Amino acid sequence: MQIVSSDRSFKIAGSGKKIELFIDYDSITTIVGYKIDLFTVDLVCCDIVFISSDHQLTWTAHEEMPGFEKLMLYLENLPGFDRSWREKVILPAFAENRTTIFRRDVRPD
């Protein structure tokens, strides 16, 4: 699985480059960063909550996925994104450090 980012959206490409998921940045409502303790190392993850067809969905990205770092650079440009998220999530080691790093107010029509 690979993350492919652009200026307005990102997509998740599976085997054979088949697109499995397409997410527009404007549909993202919340991003939560945290770590999973894998005993000898930590795995940095982000839960990305977005709206698709009037449903709220969550997709999880982690630092071992190809394209993760580039995706985070694009997400850091969202208004109100906490650019100090890495320090808040990474330190201290082996603690989950769950942190909301982006939240967009969504008002019903």
Protein backbone atom coordinates (compact mmCIF):
# COMPACT_ATOMS: atom_id res chain seq x y z
CA MET A 1 0.00 0.00 0.00
CA GLN A 2 1.32 3.43 -0.92
CA ILE A 3 0.19 6.99 -0.15
CA VAL A 4 0.24 9.35 -3.14
CA SER A 5 -0.22 13.04 -2.22
CA SER A 6 -1.06 16.13 -4.27
CA ASP A 7 -2.00 19.75 -3.52
CA ARG A 8 -5.74 19.05 -2.97
CA SER A 9 -6.00 15.38 -2.00
CA PHE A 10 -4.28 12.09 -1.44
CA LYS A 11 -4.98 8.56 -2.51
CA ILE A 12 -4.09 5.13 -1.24
CA ALA A 13 -2.82 2.84 -3.97
CA GLY A 14 -2.85 -0.90 -3.37
CA SER A 15 -1.15 -3.66 -5.27
CA GLY A 16 -1.02 -3.06 -9.01
CA LYS A 17 -1.52 0.70 -8.33
CA LYS A 18 -5.27 0.14 -7.98
CA ILE A 19 -6.75 3.11 -6.09
CA GLU A 20 -8.32 1.87 -2.87
CA LEU A 21 -9.17 5.22 -1.27
CA PHE A 22 -9.26 8.87 -2.35
CA ILE A 23 -9.44 11.65 0.28
CA ASP A 24 -9.81 15.36 -0.48
CA TYR A 25 -8.10 17.54 2.15
CA ASP A 26 -11.28 19.62 2.47
CA SER A 27 -13.16 16.50 3.68
CA ILE A 28 -10.80 15.96 6.63
CA THR A 29 -12.33 16.93 9.97
CA THR A 30 -9.82 15.58 12.50
CA ILE A 31 -6.31 14.18 12.62
CA VAL A 32 -5.05 12.43 15.75
CA GLY A 33 -1.39 11.46 16.11
CA TYR A 34 -0.14 8.77 18.48
CA LYS A 35 2.40 5.98 18.88
CA ILE A 36 2.05 2.24 19.18
CA ASP A 37 4.62 0.53 21.41
CA LEU A 38 6.21 -2.35 19.47
CA PHE A 39 8.46 -3.33 22.42
CA THR A 40 11.82 -2.25 20.96
CA VAL A 41 10.57 0.65 18.80
CA ASP A 42 7.53 2.92 18.52
CA LEU A 43 5.36 3.25 15.41
CA VAL A 44 4.06 6.79 14.77
CA CYS A 45 0.47 6.73 13.48
CA CYS A 46 -2.19 9.24 12.46
CA ASP A 47 -5.93 8.61 12.42
CA ILE A 48 -7.42 10.77 9.67
CA VAL A 49 -11.15 11.36 10.10
CA PHE A 50 -12.99 12.51 6.98
CA ILE A 51 -16.47 12.80 5.49
CA SER A 52 -17.40 10.64 2.51
CA SER A 53 -20.95 10.41 1.15
CA ASP A 54 -22.35 11.92 4.38
CA HIS A 55 -20.55 9.31 6.50
CA GLN A 56 -17.70 9.93 8.90
CA LEU A 57 -14.83 7.52 8.22
CA THR A 58 -11.40 7.02 9.76
CA TRP A 59 -8.29 5.89 7.95
CA THR A 60 -5.01 5.19 9.76
CA ALA A 61 -1.62 6.02 8.27
CA HIS A 62 1.71 5.13 9.85
CA GLU A 63 5.33 6.13 9.32
CA GLU A 64 6.31 2.83 7.69
CA MET A 65 3.91 3.39 4.77
CA PRO A 66 5.56 4.68 1.58
CA GLY A 67 4.49 8.32 1.15
CA PHE A 68 3.72 9.00 4.84
CA GLU A 69 6.27 11.82 5.24
CA LYS A 70 5.14 13.58 2.05
CA LEU A 71 1.50 13.28 3.16
CA MET A 72 2.32 14.86 6.52
CA LEU A 73 4.05 17.78 4.77
CA TYR A 74 0.85 18.45 2.80
CA LEU A 75 -1.35 18.05 5.89
CA GLU A 76 0.81 20.52 7.84
CA ASN A 77 -0.49 23.21 5.45
CA LEU A 78 -4.08 22.77 6.65
CA PRO A 79 -5.23 25.88 8.58
CA GLY A 80 -4.90 25.25 12.30
CA PHE A 81 -2.70 22.14 11.94
CA ASP A 82 -0.40 21.77 14.98
CA ARG A 83 3.06 21.83 13.40
CA SER A 84 4.69 20.83 16.69
CA TRP A 85 2.83 17.50 16.54
CA ARG A 86 5.97 15.37 16.16
CA GLU A 87 7.45 16.45 19.48
CA LYS A 88 4.11 15.95 21.24
CA VAL A 89 3.68 12.46 19.80
CA ILE A 90 7.27 11.20 19.86
CA LEU A 91 8.28 12.27 23.38
CA PRO A 92 8.41 10.55 25.76
CA ALA A 93 9.27 7.24 24.12
CA PHE A 94 7.05 4.17 24.56
CA ALA A 95 4.02 6.24 25.63
CA GLU A 96 0.99 6.51 23.35
CA ASN A 97 0.89 10.34 23.55
CA ARG A 98 -2.44 10.56 21.69
CA THR A 99 -2.71 14.17 20.44
CA THR A 100 -5.31 15.93 18.30
CA ILE A 101 -3.17 17.71 15.72
CA PHE A 102 -5.95 19.06 13.49
CA ARG A 103 -9.64 19.75 13.94
CA ARG A 104 -12.03 21.48 11.57
CA ASP A 105 -15.44 22.67 12.71
CA VAL A 106 -18.08 21.04 10.54
CA ARG A 107 -21.44 22.73 10.63
CA PRO A 108 -24.53 20.96 9.36
CA ASP A 109 -26.18 22.56 6.31
